[in-house]
Amino acid sequence: PAPASAKLTALMEMIGEIADSGHKILLFSQFVEMLTLIRTELEKQKYPYAYIDGQTPAKERLDRVNNFNEDPNIPIFLISLK
């Protein structure tokens, strides 16, 4: 696999600091490809996350939002605007 970009590396460091301090993170991107890269890194580092993009069925969206809000073990929510 290609090495992570400097921006992705910096983002993952910030995510780690924020999530490890007990805060929740909403991360928006209009680029699904970028969220795919972030998801891959989160999985490598064993961070649980929630995810919604334009392909997420409407009936699942509220469930994912509620799950993120109610589960303290899911610190990160990745959201695509497309």
PDB file of N, CA and C in Angstrom:
ATOM      1  N   PRO A   1       0.819  -1.207   0.000  1.00  0.00           N
ATOM      2  CA  PRO A   1       0.000   0.000   0.000  1.00  0.00           C
ATOM      3  C   PRO A   1       0.853   1.259   0.000  1.00  0.00           C
ATOM      4  N   ALA A   2       0.304   2.321  -0.531  1.00  0.00           N
ATOM      5  CA  ALA A   2       1.019   3.590  -0.580  1.00  0.00           C
ATOM      6  C   ALA A   2       1.174   4.157   0.825  1.00  0.00           C
ATOM      7  N   PRO A   3       2.273   4.859   1.064  1.00  0.00           N
ATOM      8  CA  PRO A   3       2.447   5.472   2.392  1.00  0.00           C
ATOM      9  C   PRO A   3       1.403   6.562   2.609  1.00  0.00           C
ATOM     10  N   ALA A   4       1.055   6.748   3.855  1.00  0.00           N
ATOM     11  CA  ALA A   4       0.061   7.773   4.199  1.00  0.00           C
ATOM     12  C   ALA A   4       0.633   9.160   3.922  1.00  0.00           C
ATOM     13  N   SER A   5      -0.221  10.052   3.479  1.00  0.00           N
ATOM     14  CA  SER A   5       0.217  11.425   3.235  1.00  0.00           C
ATOM     15  C   SER A   5       0.480  12.119   4.567  1.00  0.00           C
ATOM     16  N   ALA A   6       1.222  13.212   4.494  1.00  0.00           N
ATOM     17  CA  ALA A   6       1.520  13.976   5.708  1.00  0.00           C
ATOM     18  C   ALA A   6       0.236  14.485   6.353  1.00  0.00           C
ATOM     19  N   LYS A   7      -0.741  14.897   5.519  1.00  0.00           N
ATOM     20  CA  LYS A   7      -2.007  15.391   6.072  1.00  0.00           C
ATOM     21  C   LYS A   7      -2.780  14.282   6.767  1.00  0.00           C
ATOM     22  N   LEU A   8      -2.792  13.093   6.163  1.00  0.00           N
ATOM     23  CA  LEU A   8      -3.496  11.972   6.780  1.00  0.00           C
ATOM     24  C   LEU A   8      -2.808  11.567   8.082  1.00  0.00           C
ATOM     25  N   THR A   9      -1.494  11.567   8.072  1.00  0.00           N
ATOM     26  CA  THR A   9      -0.742  11.241   9.285  1.00  0.00           C
ATOM     27  C   THR A   9      -1.062  12.248  10.396  1.00  0.00           C
ATOM     28  N   ALA A  10      -1.068  13.529  10.052  1.00  0.00           N
ATOM     29  CA  ALA A  10      -1.383  14.564  11.045  1.00  0.00           C
ATOM     30  C   ALA A  10      -2.814  14.410  11.550  1.00  0.00           C
ATOM     31  N   LEU A  11      -3.744  14.129  10.651  1.00  0.00           N
ATOM     32  CA  LEU A  11      -5.139  13.923  11.052  1.00  0.00           C
ATOM     33  C   LEU A  11      -5.259  12.757  12.019  1.00  0.00           C
ATOM     34  N   MET A  12      -4.576  11.654  11.731  1.00  0.00           N
ATOM     35  CA  MET A  12      -4.667  10.485  12.598  1.00  0.00           C
ATOM     36  C   MET A  12      -4.082  10.783  13.982  1.00  0.00           C
ATOM     37  N   GLU A  13      -3.046  11.594  14.034  1.00  0.00           N
ATOM     38  CA  GLU A  13      -2.494  11.990  15.333  1.00  0.00           C
ATOM     39  C   GLU A  13      -3.514  12.810  16.110  1.00  0.00           C
ATOM     40  N   MET A  14      -4.178  13.751  15.424  1.00  0.00           N
ATOM     41  CA  MET A  14      -5.204  14.568  16.088  1.00  0.00           C
ATOM     42  C   MET A  14      -6.364  13.697  16.560  1.00  0.00           C
ATOM     43  N   ILE A  15      -6.811  12.782  15.715  1.00  0.00           N
ATOM     44  CA  ILE A  15      -7.908  11.883  16.087  1.00  0.00           C
ATOM     45  C   ILE A  15      -7.526  11.087  17.325  1.00  0.00           C
ATOM     46  N   GLY A  16      -6.315  10.567  17.336  1.00  0.00           N
ATOM     47  CA  GLY A  16      -5.864   9.803  18.493  1.00  0.00           C
ATOM     48  C   GLY A  16      -5.895  10.612  19.777  1.00  0.00           C
ATOM     49  N   GLU A  17      -5.377  11.833  19.715  1.00  0.00           N
ATOM     50  CA  GLU A  17      -5.355  12.685  20.905  1.00  0.00           C
ATOM     51  C   GLU A  17      -6.765  13.002  21.391  1.00  0.00           C
ATOM     52  N   ILE A  18      -7.640  13.352  20.469  1.00  0.00           N
ATOM     53  CA  ILE A  18      -9.003  13.741  20.837  1.00  0.00           C
ATOM     54  C   ILE A  18      -9.786  12.541  21.362  1.00  0.00           C
ATOM     55  N   ALA A  19      -9.753  11.433  20.623  1.00  0.00           N
ATOM     56  CA  ALA A  19     -10.510  10.247  21.035  1.00  0.00           C
ATOM     57  C   ALA A  19      -9.984   9.693  22.349  1.00  0.00           C
ATOM     58  N   ASP A  20      -8.663   9.674  22.511  1.00  0.00           N
ATOM     59  CA  ASP A  20      -8.080   9.135  23.739  1.00  0.00           C
ATOM     60  C   ASP A  20      -8.371  10.016  24.950  1.00  0.00           C
ATOM     61  N   SER A  21      -8.730  11.268  24.719  1.00  0.00           N
ATOM     62  CA  SER A  21      -9.068  12.146  25.844  1.00  0.00           C
ATOM     63  C   SER A  21     -10.551  12.061  26.202  1.00  0.00           C
ATOM     64  N   GLY A  22     -11.283  11.205  25.496  1.00  0.00           N
ATOM     65  CA  GLY A  22     -12.684  10.973  25.846  1.00  0.00           C
ATOM     66  C   GLY A  22     -13.688  11.822  25.089  1.00  0.00           C
ATOM     67  N   HIS A  23     -13.229  12.585  24.124  1.00  0.00           N
ATOM     68  CA  HIS A  23     -14.135  13.416  23.342  1.00  0.00           C
ATOM     69  C   HIS A  23     -14.612  12.679  22.095  1.00  0.00           C
ATOM     70  N   LYS A  24     -15.747  13.118  21.585  1.00  0.00           N
ATOM     71  CA  LYS A  24     -16.278  12.551  20.339  1.00  0.00           C
ATOM     72  C   LYS A  24     -15.889  13.458  19.178  1.00  0.00           C
ATOM     73  N   ILE A  25     -15.781  12.849  17.994  1.00  0.00           N
ATOM     74  CA  ILE A  25     -15.331  13.553  16.797  1.00  0.00           C
ATOM     75  C   ILE A  25     -16.341  13.363  15.679  1.00  0.00           C
ATOM     76  N   LEU A  26     -16.769  14.467  15.072  1.00  0.00           N
ATOM     77  CA  LEU A  26     -17.543  14.428  13.829  1.00  0.00           C
ATOM     78  C   LEU A  26     -16.598  14.887  12.737  1.00  0.00           C
ATOM     79  N   LEU A  27     -16.364  14.045  11.746  1.00  0.00           N
ATOM     80  CA  LEU A  27     -15.442  14.379  10.673  1.00  0.00           C
ATOM     81  C   LEU A  27     -16.205  14.362   9.357  1.00  0.00           C
ATOM     82  N   PHE A  28     -16.360  15.533   8.768  1.00  0.00           N
ATOM     83  CA  PHE A  28     -17.094  15.682   7.515  1.00  0.00           C
ATOM     84  C   PHE A  28     -16.119  15.764   6.352  1.00  0.00           C
ATOM     85  N   SER A  29     -16.492  15.166   5.220  1.00  0.00           N
ATOM     86  CA  SER A  29     -15.726  15.328   3.989  1.00  0.00           C
ATOM     87  C   SER A  29     -16.663  15.188   2.807  1.00  0.00           C
ATOM     88  N   GLN A  30     -16.423  15.987   1.782  1.00  0.00           N
ATOM     89  CA  GLN A  30     -17.198  15.814   0.556  1.00  0.00           C
ATOM     90  C   GLN A  30     -16.567  14.746  -0.324  1.00  0.00           C
ATOM     91  N   PHE A  31     -15.389  14.251   0.084  1.00  0.00           N
ATOM     92  CA  PHE A  31     -14.669  13.263  -0.713  1.00  0.00           C
ATOM     93  C   PHE A  31     -14.752  11.884  -0.066  1.00  0.00           C
ATOM     94  N   VAL A  32     -15.572  11.018  -0.628  1.00  0.00           N
ATOM     95  CA  VAL A  32     -15.723   9.661  -0.095  1.00  0.00           C
ATOM     96  C   VAL A  32     -14.385   8.935  -0.145  1.00  0.00           C
ATOM     97  N   GLU A  33     -13.575   9.225  -1.170  1.00  0.00           N
ATOM     98  CA  GLU A  33     -12.272   8.570  -1.288  1.00  0.00           C
ATOM     99  C   GLU A  33     -11.387   8.893  -0.076  1.00  0.00           C
ATOM    100  N   MET A  34     -11.457  10.126   0.403  1.00  0.00           N
ATOM    101  CA  MET A  34     -10.679  10.501   1.583  1.00  0.00           C
ATOM    102  C   MET A  34     -11.189   9.770   2.807  1.00  0.00           C
ATOM    103  N   LEU A  35     -12.504   9.680   2.937  1.00  0.00           N
ATOM    104  CA  LEU A  35     -13.059   8.947   4.081  1.00  0.00           C
ATOM    105  C   LEU A  35     -12.668   7.479   4.026  1.00  0.00           C
ATOM    106  N   THR A  36     -12.542   6.925   2.832  1.00  0.00           N
ATOM    107  CA  THR A  36     -12.099   5.538   2.696  1.00  0.00           C
ATOM    108  C   THR A  36     -10.677   5.386   3.240  1.00  0.00           C
ATOM    109  N   LEU A  37      -9.806   6.327   2.918  1.00  0.00           N
ATOM    110  CA  LEU A  37      -8.440   6.290   3.451  1.00  0.00           C
ATOM    111  C   LEU A  37      -8.444   6.419   4.976  1.00  0.00           C
ATOM    112  N   ILE A  38      -9.276   7.302   5.490  1.00  0.00           N
ATOM    113  CA  ILE A  38      -9.358   7.492   6.947  1.00  0.00           C
ATOM    114  C   ILE A  38      -9.900   6.231   7.600  1.00  0.00           C
ATOM    115  N   ARG A  39     -10.921   5.628   7.006  1.00  0.00           N
ATOM    116  CA  ARG A  39     -11.484   4.385   7.552  1.00  0.00           C
ATOM    117  C   ARG A  39     -10.424   3.292   7.633  1.00  0.00           C
ATOM    118  N   THR A  40      -9.620   3.182   6.588  1.00  0.00           N
ATOM    119  CA  THR A  40      -8.557   2.179   6.574  1.00  0.00           C
ATOM    120  C   THR A  40      -7.589   2.406   7.730  1.00  0.00           C
ATOM    121  N   GLU A  41      -7.206   3.649   7.948  1.00  0.00           N
ATOM    122  CA  GLU A  41      -6.289   3.964   9.045  1.00  0.00           C
ATOM    123  C   GLU A  41      -6.933   3.710  10.407  1.00  0.00           C
ATOM    124  N   LEU A  42      -8.209   4.073  10.549  1.00  0.00           N
ATOM    125  CA  LEU A  42      -8.904   3.821  11.821  1.00  0.00           C
ATOM    126  C   LEU A  42      -8.950   2.329  12.120  1.00  0.00           C
ATOM    127  N   GLU A  43      -9.218   1.529  11.103  1.00  0.00           N
ATOM    128  CA  GLU A  43      -9.268   0.081  11.291  1.00  0.00           C
ATOM    129  C   GLU A  43      -7.897  -0.473  11.663  1.00  0.00           C
ATOM    130  N   LYS A  44      -6.840   0.030  11.033  1.00  0.00           N
ATOM    131  CA  LYS A  44      -5.477  -0.405  11.372  1.00  0.00           C
ATOM    132  C   LYS A  44      -5.163  -0.106  12.826  1.00  0.00           C
ATOM    133  N   GLN A  45      -5.628   1.062  13.293  1.00  0.00           N
ATOM    134  CA  GLN A  45      -5.334   1.488  14.661  1.00  0.00           C
ATOM    135  C   GLN A  45      -6.404   1.053  15.659  1.00  0.00           C
ATOM    136  N   LYS A  46      -7.359   0.273  15.186  1.00  0.00           N
ATOM    137  CA  LYS A  46      -8.403  -0.326  16.043  1.00  0.00           C
ATOM    138  C   LYS A  46      -9.314   0.706  16.705  1.00  0.00           C
ATOM    139  N   TYR A  47      -9.579   1.815  16.001  1.00  0.00           N
ATOM    140  CA  TYR A  47     -10.532   2.795  16.510  1.00  0.00           C
ATOM    141  C   TYR A  47     -11.916   2.463  15.954  1.00  0.00           C
ATOM    142  N   PRO A  48     -12.898   2.273  16.825  1.00  0.00           N
ATOM    143  CA  PRO A  48     -14.265   2.088  16.328  1.00  0.00           C
ATOM    144  C   PRO A  48     -14.821   3.420  15.815  1.00  0.00           C
ATOM    145  N   TYR A  49     -15.678   3.330  14.813  1.00  0.00           N
ATOM    146  CA  TYR A  49     -16.237   4.534  14.225  1.00  0.00           C
ATOM    147  C   TYR A  49     -17.604   4.229  13.624  1.00  0.00           C
ATOM    148  N   ALA A  50     -18.371   5.283  13.404  1.00  0.00           N
ATOM    149  CA  ALA A  50     -19.628   5.201  12.660  1.00  0.00           C
ATOM    150  C   ALA A  50     -19.384   5.890  11.325  1.00  0.00           C
ATOM    151  N   TYR A  51     -20.209   5.542  10.329  1.00  0.00           N
ATOM    152  CA  TYR A  51     -19.985   6.059   8.981  1.00  0.00           C
ATOM    153  C   TYR A  51     -21.305   6.235   8.250  1.00  0.00           C
ATOM    154  N   ILE A  52     -21.431   7.366   7.577  1.00  0.00           N
ATOM    155  CA  ILE A  52     -22.595   7.626   6.722  1.00  0.00           C
ATOM    156  C   ILE A  52     -22.092   8.330   5.458  1.00  0.00           C
ATOM    157  N   ASP A  53     -22.602   7.873   4.314  1.00  0.00           N
ATOM    158  CA  ASP A  53     -22.366   8.611   3.082  1.00  0.00           C
ATOM    159  C   ASP A  53     -23.645   8.589   2.260  1.00  0.00           C
ATOM    160  N   GLY A  54     -23.593   9.109   1.061  1.00  0.00           N
ATOM    161  CA  GLY A  54     -24.773   9.199   0.223  1.00  0.00           C
ATOM    162  C   GLY A  54     -25.376   7.858  -0.146  1.00  0.00           C
ATOM    163  N   GLN A  55     -24.592   6.788  -0.015  1.00  0.00           N
ATOM    164  CA  GLN A  55     -25.078   5.452  -0.328  1.00  0.00           C
ATOM    165  C   GLN A  55     -25.747   4.773   0.865  1.00  0.00           C
ATOM    166  N   THR A  56     -25.646   5.372   2.045  1.00  0.00           N
ATOM    167  CA  THR A  56     -26.263   4.783   3.235  1.00  0.00           C
ATOM    168  C   THR A  56     -27.775   4.900   3.111  1.00  0.00           C
ATOM    169  N   PRO A  57     -28.487   3.774   3.195  1.00  0.00           N
ATOM    170  CA  PRO A  57     -29.950   3.833   3.090  1.00  0.00           C
ATOM    171  C   PRO A  57     -30.548   4.753   4.161  1.00  0.00           C
ATOM    172  N   ALA A  58     -31.542   5.518   3.773  1.00  0.00           N
ATOM    173  CA  ALA A  58     -32.169   6.486   4.681  1.00  0.00           C
ATOM    174  C   ALA A  58     -32.626   5.832   5.975  1.00  0.00           C
ATOM    175  N   LYS A  59     -33.159   4.615   5.882  1.00  0.00           N
ATOM    176  CA  LYS A  59     -33.670   3.951   7.083  1.00  0.00           C
ATOM    177  C   LYS A  59     -32.561   3.577   8.062  1.00  0.00           C
ATOM    178  N   GLU A  60     -31.298   3.530   7.615  1.00  0.00           N
ATOM    179  CA  GLU A  60     -30.183   3.190   8.503  1.00  0.00           C
ATOM    180  C   GLU A  60     -29.528   4.424   9.126  1.00  0.00           C
ATOM    181  N   ARG A  61     -29.749   5.584   8.540  1.00  0.00           N
ATOM    182  CA  ARG A  61     -29.036   6.779   8.983  1.00  0.00           C
ATOM    183  C   ARG A  61     -29.326   7.147  10.431  1.00  0.00           C
ATOM    184  N   LEU A  62     -30.583   7.192  10.799  1.00  0.00           N
ATOM    185  CA  LEU A  62     -30.932   7.555  12.170  1.00  0.00           C
ATOM    186  C   LEU A  62     -30.382   6.534  13.154  1.00  0.00           C
ATOM    187  N   ASP A  63     -30.421   5.259  12.792  1.00  0.00           N
ATOM    188  CA  ASP A  63     -29.857   4.221  13.671  1.00  0.00           C
ATOM    189  C   ASP A  63     -28.369   4.456  13.904  1.00  0.00           C
ATOM    190  N   ARG A  64     -27.648   4.815  12.850  1.00  0.00           N
ATOM    191  CA  ARG A  64     -26.207   5.051  12.987  1.00  0.00           C
ATOM    192  C   ARG A  64     -25.933   6.289  13.833  1.00  0.00           C
ATOM    193  N   VAL A  65     -26.736   7.325  13.645  1.00  0.00           N
ATOM    194  CA  VAL A  65     -26.581   8.537  14.455  1.00  0.00           C
ATOM    195  C   VAL A  65     -26.861   8.222  15.928  1.00  0.00           C
ATOM    196  N   ASN A  66     -27.948   7.527  16.193  1.00  0.00           N
ATOM    197  CA  ASN A  66     -28.294   7.188  17.572  1.00  0.00           C
ATOM    198  C   ASN A  66     -27.239   6.290  18.199  1.00  0.00           C
ATOM    199  N   ASN A  67     -26.729   5.341  17.437  1.00  0.00           N
ATOM    200  CA  ASN A  67     -25.699   4.446  17.953  1.00  0.00           C
ATOM    201  C   ASN A  67     -24.446   5.237  18.337  1.00  0.00           C
ATOM    202  N   PHE A  68     -24.038   6.170  17.490  1.00  0.00           N
ATOM    203  CA  PHE A  68     -22.884   7.017  17.795  1.00  0.00           C
ATOM    204  C   PHE A  68     -23.134   7.842  19.054  1.00  0.00           C
ATOM    205  N   ASN A  69     -24.315   8.438  19.139  1.00  0.00           N
ATOM    206  CA  ASN A  69     -24.631   9.300  20.285  1.00  0.00           C
ATOM    207  C   ASN A  69     -24.717   8.530  21.594  1.00  0.00           C
ATOM    208  N   GLU A  70     -25.186   7.305  21.541  1.00  0.00           N
ATOM    209  CA  GLU A  70     -25.440   6.541  22.763  1.00  0.00           C
ATOM    210  C   GLU A  70     -24.289   5.649  23.195  1.00  0.00           C
ATOM    211  N   ASP A  71     -23.407   5.288  22.286  1.00  0.00           N
ATOM    212  CA  ASP A  71     -22.335   4.349  22.613  1.00  0.00           C
ATOM    213  C   ASP A  71     -21.035   5.104  22.903  1.00  0.00           C
ATOM    214  N   PRO A  72     -20.608   5.121  24.162  1.00  0.00           N
ATOM    215  CA  PRO A  72     -19.373   5.838  24.494  1.00  0.00           C
ATOM    216  C   PRO A  72     -18.122   5.190  23.894  1.00  0.00           C
ATOM    217  N   ASN A  73     -18.252   3.972  23.384  1.00  0.00           N
ATOM    218  CA  ASN A  73     -17.114   3.281  22.791  1.00  0.00           C
ATOM    219  C   ASN A  73     -16.923   3.593  21.314  1.00  0.00           C
ATOM    220  N   ILE A  74     -17.795   4.422  20.739  1.00  0.00           N
ATOM    221  CA  ILE A  74     -17.636   4.851  19.344  1.00  0.00           C
ATOM    222  C   ILE A  74     -17.316   6.345  19.375  1.00  0.00           C
ATOM    223  N   PRO A  75     -16.026   6.689  19.290  1.00  0.00           N
ATOM    224  CA  PRO A  75     -15.645   8.105  19.439  1.00  0.00           C
ATOM    225  C   PRO A  75     -15.656   8.906  18.140  1.00  0.00           C
ATOM    226  N   ILE A  76     -15.765   8.231  16.988  1.00  0.00           N
ATOM    227  CA  ILE A  76     -15.562   8.921  15.722  1.00  0.00           C
ATOM    228  C   ILE A  76     -16.742   8.660  14.784  1.00  0.00           C
ATOM    229  N   PHE A  77     -17.227   9.731  14.164  1.00  0.00           N
ATOM    230  CA  PHE A  77     -18.303   9.604  13.167  1.00  0.00           C
ATOM    231  C   PHE A  77     -17.810  10.249  11.882  1.00  0.00           C
ATOM    232  N   LEU A  78     -17.684   9.447  10.838  1.00  0.00           N
ATOM    233  CA  LEU A  78     -17.267   9.925   9.527  1.00  0.00           C
ATOM    234  C   LEU A  78     -18.523  10.177   8.696  1.00  0.00           C
ATOM    235  N   ILE A  79     -18.623  11.366   8.127  1.00  0.00           N
ATOM    236  CA  ILE A  79     -19.828  11.753   7.399  1.00  0.00           C
ATOM    237  C   ILE A  79     -19.437  12.362   6.060  1.00  0.00           C
ATOM    238  N   SER A  80     -19.974  11.794   5.002  1.00  0.00           N
ATOM    239  CA  SER A  80     -19.767  12.366   3.683  1.00  0.00           C
ATOM    240  C   SER A  80     -20.999  13.168   3.309  1.00  0.00           C
ATOM    241  N   LEU A  81     -20.763  14.311   2.714  1.00  0.00           N
ATOM    242  CA  LEU A  81     -21.866  15.158   2.297  1.00  0.00           C
ATOM    243  C   LEU A  81     -22.415  14.716   0.941  1.00  0.00           C
ATOM    244  N   LYS A  82     -21.779  13.734   0.330  1.00  0.00           N
ATOM    245  CA  LYS A  82     -22.232  13.240  -0.988  1.00  0.00           C
ATOM    246  C   LYS A  82     -22.611  11.793  -0.893  1.00  0.00           C
TER     247      LYS A  82
END
